[in-house]
Amino acid sequence: MRFPIFNQYLSINISIHLAIIELILFIPIILSHLFQFSSWLFDIFFLFSMLSIILLCIIHYCLLPICLILIPVEFYLRKTGRIIKTNVVNIPVRFQKYIYIITALIYITITIIGIIVGQPMTEEELRYD
């Protein structure tokens, strides 16, 4: 099975594929919220959602920063001529722009959701618990 090539840079391709994987990992989380009133379906999707949350944290906090750090390094190595071979892009240019915009929106929304969820509770919220 061949993966689609979105850009001539390897690090950008990996980050786009990581965004697609992160979107796929959100599916069990959404399904566990949809089936929360059904007992056995909720148990199955809850276990899958816990596993996908762990994988999302590993991808978003460990693998993605490495790819983002490698983008300028790969750009510099290509400009100096150390890396000559480029990937052959098999997707039209117009479709590539849409993919880049969607990938940026995915990462921005995941980061904003992570910031909102990670906020500590205020004193007023703690009084009602």
Protein backbone atom coordinates (compact mmCIF):
# COMPACT_ATOMS: atom_id res chain seq x y z
CA MET A 1 0.00 0.00 0.00
CA ARG A 2 1.43 3.36 -1.02
CA PHE A 3 0.69 6.49 0.95
CA PRO A 4 -0.20 9.65 -0.98
CA ILE A 5 2.59 12.21 -1.28
CA PHE A 6 1.35 15.72 -0.54
CA ASN A 7 4.60 17.71 -0.64
CA GLN A 8 8.17 17.29 -1.85
CA TYR A 9 9.48 17.60 1.73
CA LEU A 10 9.41 14.45 3.81
CA SER A 11 8.80 16.20 7.15
CA ILE A 12 5.73 18.03 5.83
CA ASN A 13 4.35 14.76 4.46
CA ILE A 14 4.82 13.09 7.83
CA SER A 15 3.07 15.94 9.65
CA ILE A 16 0.11 15.80 7.24
CA HIS A 17 -0.16 12.03 7.74
CA LEU A 18 -0.03 12.58 11.52
CA ALA A 19 -2.95 15.01 11.20
CA ILE A 20 -4.95 12.39 9.33
CA ILE A 21 -4.12 9.82 12.01
CA GLU A 22 -5.21 12.26 14.73
CA LEU A 23 -8.54 12.77 12.98
CA ILE A 24 -9.06 9.01 12.76
CA LEU A 25 -8.24 8.69 16.47
CA PHE A 26 -11.02 11.15 17.32
CA ILE A 27 -13.68 8.77 15.95
CA PRO A 28 -13.82 6.41 19.01
CA ILE A 29 -14.00 9.42 21.35
CA ILE A 30 -17.00 10.81 19.48
CA LEU A 31 -18.66 7.39 19.30
CA SER A 32 -18.23 6.84 23.04
CA HIS A 33 -20.12 10.08 23.66
CA LEU A 34 -22.86 9.08 21.22
CA PHE A 35 -23.39 5.63 22.76
CA GLN A 36 -23.11 6.60 26.40
CA PHE A 37 -26.66 5.48 27.19
CA SER A 38 -26.11 2.00 25.76
CA SER A 39 -24.21 -0.07 28.29
CA TRP A 40 -22.14 -2.54 26.28
CA LEU A 41 -21.48 -0.23 23.32
CA PHE A 42 -20.34 2.50 25.71
CA ASP A 43 -17.91 0.11 27.40
CA ILE A 44 -16.34 -0.90 24.10
CA PHE A 45 -16.05 2.61 22.73
CA PHE A 46 -14.90 3.96 26.09
CA LEU A 47 -11.94 1.57 26.11
CA PHE A 48 -11.08 2.46 22.52
CA SER A 49 -11.41 6.16 23.31
CA MET A 50 -9.02 5.87 26.27
CA LEU A 51 -6.49 4.13 24.01
CA SER A 52 -6.94 6.76 21.32
CA ILE A 53 -6.47 9.59 23.87
CA ILE A 54 -3.15 8.05 24.90
CA LEU A 55 -2.09 7.74 21.25
CA LEU A 56 -3.23 11.31 20.53
CA CYS A 57 -1.09 12.64 23.38
CA ILE A 58 1.94 10.69 22.17
CA ILE A 59 1.50 11.90 18.58
CA HIS A 60 0.65 15.52 19.39
CA TYR A 61 3.20 16.11 22.14
CA CYS A 62 6.10 13.86 21.08
CA LEU A 63 6.09 13.13 17.34
CA LEU A 64 4.66 16.36 15.95
CA PRO A 65 7.26 18.72 17.51
CA ILE A 66 10.03 16.58 16.04
CA CYS A 67 8.48 16.92 12.56
CA LEU A 68 8.03 20.67 13.00
CA ILE A 69 11.68 21.06 14.04
CA LEU A 70 12.79 19.00 11.03
CA ILE A 71 11.02 21.24 8.50
CA PRO A 72 13.54 24.14 8.67
CA VAL A 73 16.44 21.68 8.88
CA GLU A 74 15.25 19.87 5.76
CA PHE A 75 14.66 23.20 3.99
CA TYR A 76 18.22 24.32 4.80
CA LEU A 77 19.72 21.01 3.66
CA ARG A 78 17.82 21.20 0.38
CA LYS A 79 18.90 24.80 -0.24
CA THR A 80 22.56 23.99 0.40
CA GLY A 81 22.40 20.96 -1.88
CA ARG A 82 22.99 18.27 0.75
CA ILE A 83 19.65 16.64 -0.09
CA ILE A 84 18.97 16.51 -3.81
CA LYS A 85 16.27 13.87 -4.23
CA THR A 86 12.70 15.15 -3.81
CA ASN A 87 9.42 13.32 -3.55
CA VAL A 88 7.26 13.13 -6.66
CA VAL A 89 3.95 14.73 -5.73
CA ASN A 90 1.00 12.81 -7.12
CA ILE A 91 -1.75 15.28 -6.12
CA PRO A 92 -2.83 18.38 -8.09
CA VAL A 93 -1.68 21.81 -6.84
CA ARG A 94 -5.21 23.06 -6.09
CA PHE A 95 -5.92 20.00 -3.96
CA GLN A 96 -2.57 20.46 -2.17
CA LYS A 97 -3.58 23.95 -1.02
CA TYR A 98 -6.81 22.62 0.44
CA ILE A 99 -4.89 19.87 2.25
CA TYR A 100 -2.47 22.41 3.74
CA ILE A 101 -5.29 24.65 4.97
CA ILE A 102 -7.24 21.73 6.46
CA THR A 103 -4.10 20.37 8.16
CA ALA A 104 -3.33 23.76 9.70
CA LEU A 105 -6.92 24.05 10.95
CA ILE A 106 -6.75 20.56 12.45
CA TYR A 107 -3.61 21.37 14.42
CA ILE A 108 -4.93 24.75 15.55
CA THR A 109 -8.22 23.29 16.81
CA ILE A 110 -6.52 20.38 18.58
CA THR A 111 -4.12 22.79 20.27
CA ILE A 112 -6.90 25.17 21.33
CA ILE A 113 -9.00 22.30 22.69
CA GLY A 114 -5.97 21.04 24.61
CA ILE A 115 -5.38 24.49 26.11
CA ILE A 116 -9.04 24.84 27.13
CA VAL A 117 -9.22 21.38 28.68
CA GLY A 118 -5.92 21.84 30.49
CA GLN A 119 -7.00 25.02 32.29
CA PRO A 120 -7.25 24.68 36.07
CA MET A 121 -10.63 25.14 37.70
CA THR A 122 -11.42 28.47 39.29
CA GLU A 123 -12.45 28.83 42.93
CA GLU A 124 -16.10 29.38 41.98
CA GLU A 125 -16.17 26.10 40.03
CA LEU A 126 -14.51 24.26 42.92
CA ARG A 127 -17.19 25.42 45.37
CA TYR A 128 -19.90 23.58 43.47
CA ASP A 129 -18.09 20.25 43.30
